[in-house]
Amino acid sequence: MADTRERIEEDRGLLKKIQTYIPGFKGYRQREDLRDADRMLRTQLAEKLALHRRGLEECRGILAQSQGAKEIGMIGGLISQFKKVEGQVTHAAMGYSGVAADIAVKEEELDRLYEYDTSMLDHMIAMSASIESLKNSLMAADEATSFRDIMNIKARITDFEDKFKARLRAIEGTEV
């Protein structure tokens, strides 16, 4: 995956390039660019979560045809959790710190925040494989494997959610 930070730096317009030469403004421009890169990355994460949620909705459709009432409820709960996490990712704090902020978020912290969000992409790959496995087990009408796959997806999205919630607390140094 291409590093969004480099792409944003390469695509700076004339005004933004001039801003990097103004004393006292260079750091501001760099921090804003890092925030933009992190926002773009989080948008990609949210889109992948939406894609996975749609995969779960397909699984729910398969179950509806085979009358798997217990599993339908479990998958419905997963879909709700995916929607909630999508919202958290989409609207997460960008590490913004104003002039009189309680906690100043510096360029190094913004860079770590971006790296942290990049590491979350590994979770997306694992979730994709788990959802594909669930589809296959549902089509094969393998209840034991389906249940195991559902529990695996539940564990993965819960782990993703926990790690994502901890991201800004870790950067701010408020993690206990």
Protein backbone atom coordinates (compact mmCIF):
# COMPACT_ATOMS: atom_id res chain seq x y z
CA MET A 1 0.00 0.00 0.00
CA ALA A 2 1.31 3.43 -0.93
CA ASP A 3 2.03 5.78 1.93
CA THR A 4 -0.63 8.51 1.84
CA ARG A 5 1.68 10.92 3.65
CA GLU A 6 4.09 10.93 0.70
CA ARG A 7 1.25 11.34 -1.80
CA ILE A 8 -0.12 14.37 0.05
CA GLU A 9 3.33 15.94 0.18
CA GLU A 10 3.84 15.33 -3.56
CA ASP A 11 0.41 16.77 -4.42
CA ARG A 12 0.79 20.04 -2.51
CA GLY A 13 -0.39 22.99 -4.53
CA LEU A 14 1.59 26.19 -4.93
CA LEU A 15 0.06 27.89 -1.89
CA LYS A 16 0.82 24.92 0.37
CA LYS A 17 4.38 24.73 -0.96
CA ILE A 18 4.88 28.44 -0.23
CA GLN A 19 3.52 27.90 3.29
CA THR A 20 6.31 25.40 4.00
CA TYR A 21 8.88 28.19 3.53
CA ILE A 22 7.27 30.72 5.87
CA PRO A 23 8.97 30.70 9.29
CA GLY A 24 6.65 29.31 11.95
CA PHE A 25 4.20 28.02 9.36
CA LYS A 26 6.16 25.03 8.08
CA GLY A 27 5.36 22.89 11.13
CA TYR A 28 1.70 23.84 10.93
CA ARG A 29 1.55 22.84 7.24
CA GLN A 30 3.28 19.52 7.93
CA ARG A 31 0.93 18.69 10.82
CA GLU A 32 -2.11 19.55 8.70
CA ASP A 33 -0.81 17.30 5.92
CA LEU A 34 -0.32 14.46 8.42
CA ARG A 35 -3.87 14.96 9.68
CA ASP A 36 -5.14 14.82 6.11
CA ALA A 37 -3.20 11.61 5.45
CA ASP A 38 -4.60 10.02 8.60
CA ARG A 39 -8.14 11.12 7.69
CA MET A 40 -7.76 9.58 4.23
CA LEU A 41 -6.46 6.34 5.74
CA ARG A 42 -9.35 6.20 8.23
CA THR A 43 -11.76 6.74 5.35
CA GLN A 44 -10.26 3.68 3.67
CA LEU A 45 -10.59 1.68 6.90
CA ALA A 46 -14.25 2.71 7.23
CA GLU A 47 -14.90 1.72 3.60
CA LYS A 48 -13.36 -1.70 4.23
CA LEU A 49 -15.50 -2.13 7.34
CA ALA A 50 -18.58 -1.27 5.25
CA LEU A 51 -17.51 -3.84 2.66
CA HIS A 52 -17.15 -6.49 5.37
CA ARG A 53 -20.53 -5.53 6.83
CA ARG A 54 -22.09 -6.06 3.41
CA GLY A 55 -20.44 -9.49 3.33
CA LEU A 56 -22.11 -10.28 6.65
CA GLU A 57 -25.43 -9.07 5.24
CA GLU A 58 -24.95 -11.59 2.40
CA CYS A 59 -24.35 -14.28 5.01
CA ARG A 60 -27.54 -13.26 6.77
CA GLY A 61 -29.37 -13.64 3.45
CA ILE A 62 -27.99 -17.16 3.03
CA LEU A 63 -29.18 -18.00 6.55
CA ALA A 64 -32.62 -16.56 5.91
CA GLN A 65 -33.06 -19.08 3.11
CA SER A 66 -31.99 -21.99 5.30
CA GLN A 67 -33.94 -20.95 8.42
CA GLY A 68 -30.89 -20.56 10.72
CA ALA A 69 -32.67 -18.40 13.32
CA LYS A 70 -29.96 -18.56 16.00
CA GLU A 71 -27.20 -17.61 13.59
CA ILE A 72 -29.30 -14.84 12.01
CA GLY A 73 -29.50 -13.12 15.39
CA MET A 74 -25.76 -13.50 15.93
CA ILE A 75 -24.95 -12.11 12.50
CA GLY A 76 -27.41 -9.26 13.08
CA GLY A 77 -25.46 -8.37 16.21
CA LEU A 78 -22.21 -8.45 14.24
CA ILE A 79 -23.67 -6.18 11.56
CA SER A 80 -24.68 -3.69 14.27
CA GLN A 81 -21.20 -3.83 15.78
CA PHE A 82 -19.61 -3.26 12.36
CA LYS A 83 -21.86 -0.21 11.82
CA LYS A 84 -20.85 1.19 15.21
CA VAL A 85 -17.13 0.68 14.54
CA GLU A 86 -17.50 2.22 11.06
CA GLY A 87 -18.85 5.36 12.74
CA GLN A 88 -16.03 5.40 15.28
CA VAL A 89 -13.40 5.11 12.56
CA THR A 90 -15.05 7.70 10.33
CA HIS A 91 -15.46 10.27 13.09
CA ALA A 92 -12.33 9.54 15.14
CA ALA A 93 -10.21 12.38 16.45
CA MET A 94 -7.51 13.45 14.02
CA GLY A 95 -4.96 14.46 16.59
CA TYR A 96 -5.95 18.10 16.29
CA SER A 97 -4.57 20.40 18.92
CA GLY A 98 -5.52 24.05 18.89
CA VAL A 99 -3.58 26.96 20.31
CA ALA A 100 -4.71 26.35 23.90
CA ALA A 101 -5.33 22.61 23.80
CA ASP A 102 -5.09 20.54 27.00
CA ILE A 103 -2.79 18.08 25.25
CA ALA A 104 -0.60 19.27 22.39
CA VAL A 105 -0.31 16.70 19.62
CA LYS A 106 3.02 17.19 17.90
CA GLU A 107 4.19 16.03 14.49
CA GLU A 108 5.82 12.88 15.92
CA GLU A 109 2.55 11.89 17.60
CA LEU A 110 0.59 12.55 14.40
CA ASP A 111 3.06 10.36 12.53
CA ARG A 112 2.59 7.59 15.13
CA LEU A 113 -1.18 8.00 14.84
CA TYR A 114 -0.94 7.42 11.10
CA GLU A 115 1.30 4.38 11.62
CA TYR A 116 -1.16 3.04 14.19
CA ASP A 117 -4.04 3.41 11.73
CA THR A 118 -1.97 1.76 8.99
CA SER A 119 -1.45 -1.26 11.25
CA MET A 120 -5.23 -1.60 11.48
CA LEU A 121 -5.28 -2.64 7.81
CA ASP A 122 -3.95 -6.06 8.87
CA HIS A 123 -7.16 -6.54 10.83
CA MET A 124 -9.14 -5.85 7.65
CA ILE A 125 -7.35 -8.64 5.79
CA ALA A 126 -8.03 -11.13 8.59
CA MET A 127 -11.70 -10.09 8.80
CA SER A 128 -12.10 -10.52 5.06
CA ALA A 129 -10.78 -14.08 5.24
CA SER A 130 -13.05 -14.87 8.20
CA ILE A 131 -16.16 -13.56 6.42
CA GLU A 132 -15.30 -15.54 3.29
CA SER A 133 -14.91 -18.66 5.44
CA LEU A 134 -18.32 -17.99 7.01
CA LYS A 135 -19.95 -17.69 3.58
CA ASN A 136 -18.45 -21.02 2.55
CA SER A 137 -19.53 -22.80 5.74
CA LEU A 138 -23.06 -21.39 5.44
CA MET A 139 -23.36 -22.55 1.84
CA ALA A 140 -22.15 -25.99 2.90
CA ALA A 141 -24.73 -25.93 5.75
CA ASP A 142 -21.94 -26.77 8.21
CA GLU A 143 -23.43 -25.46 11.47
CA ALA A 144 -20.40 -26.17 13.67
CA THR A 145 -17.99 -24.38 11.34
CA SER A 146 -20.49 -21.54 10.81
CA PHE A 147 -20.75 -20.98 14.55
CA ARG A 148 -16.96 -21.05 14.91
CA ASP A 149 -16.60 -18.56 12.02
CA ILE A 150 -19.19 -16.22 13.56
CA MET A 151 -17.37 -16.30 16.90
CA ASN A 152 -14.06 -15.67 15.10
CA ILE A 153 -15.48 -12.61 13.31
CA LYS A 154 -16.94 -11.36 16.60
CA ALA A 155 -13.52 -11.66 18.26
CA ARG A 156 -11.81 -9.89 15.34
CA ILE A 157 -14.18 -6.91 15.23
CA THR A 158 -14.11 -6.56 19.01
CA ASP A 159 -10.29 -6.61 18.97
CA PHE A 160 -10.27 -4.05 16.15
CA GLU A 161 -12.67 -1.82 18.07
CA ASP A 162 -10.64 -2.04 21.30
CA LYS A 163 -7.38 -1.23 19.53
CA PHE A 164 -8.93 1.63 17.61
CA LYS A 165 -10.36 3.17 20.78
CA ALA A 166 -6.94 2.98 22.39
CA ARG A 167 -5.18 4.72 19.48
CA LEU A 168 -5.55 8.35 20.50
CA ARG A 169 -5.19 7.60 24.20
CA ALA A 170 -1.87 5.95 23.42
CA ILE A 171 -0.71 8.88 21.32
CA GLU A 172 -1.77 11.42 23.94
CA GLY A 173 -0.08 9.46 26.70
CA THR A 174 -3.36 9.10 28.62
CA GLU A 175 -3.52 5.29 28.25
CA VAL A 176 -3.58 3.57 31.64
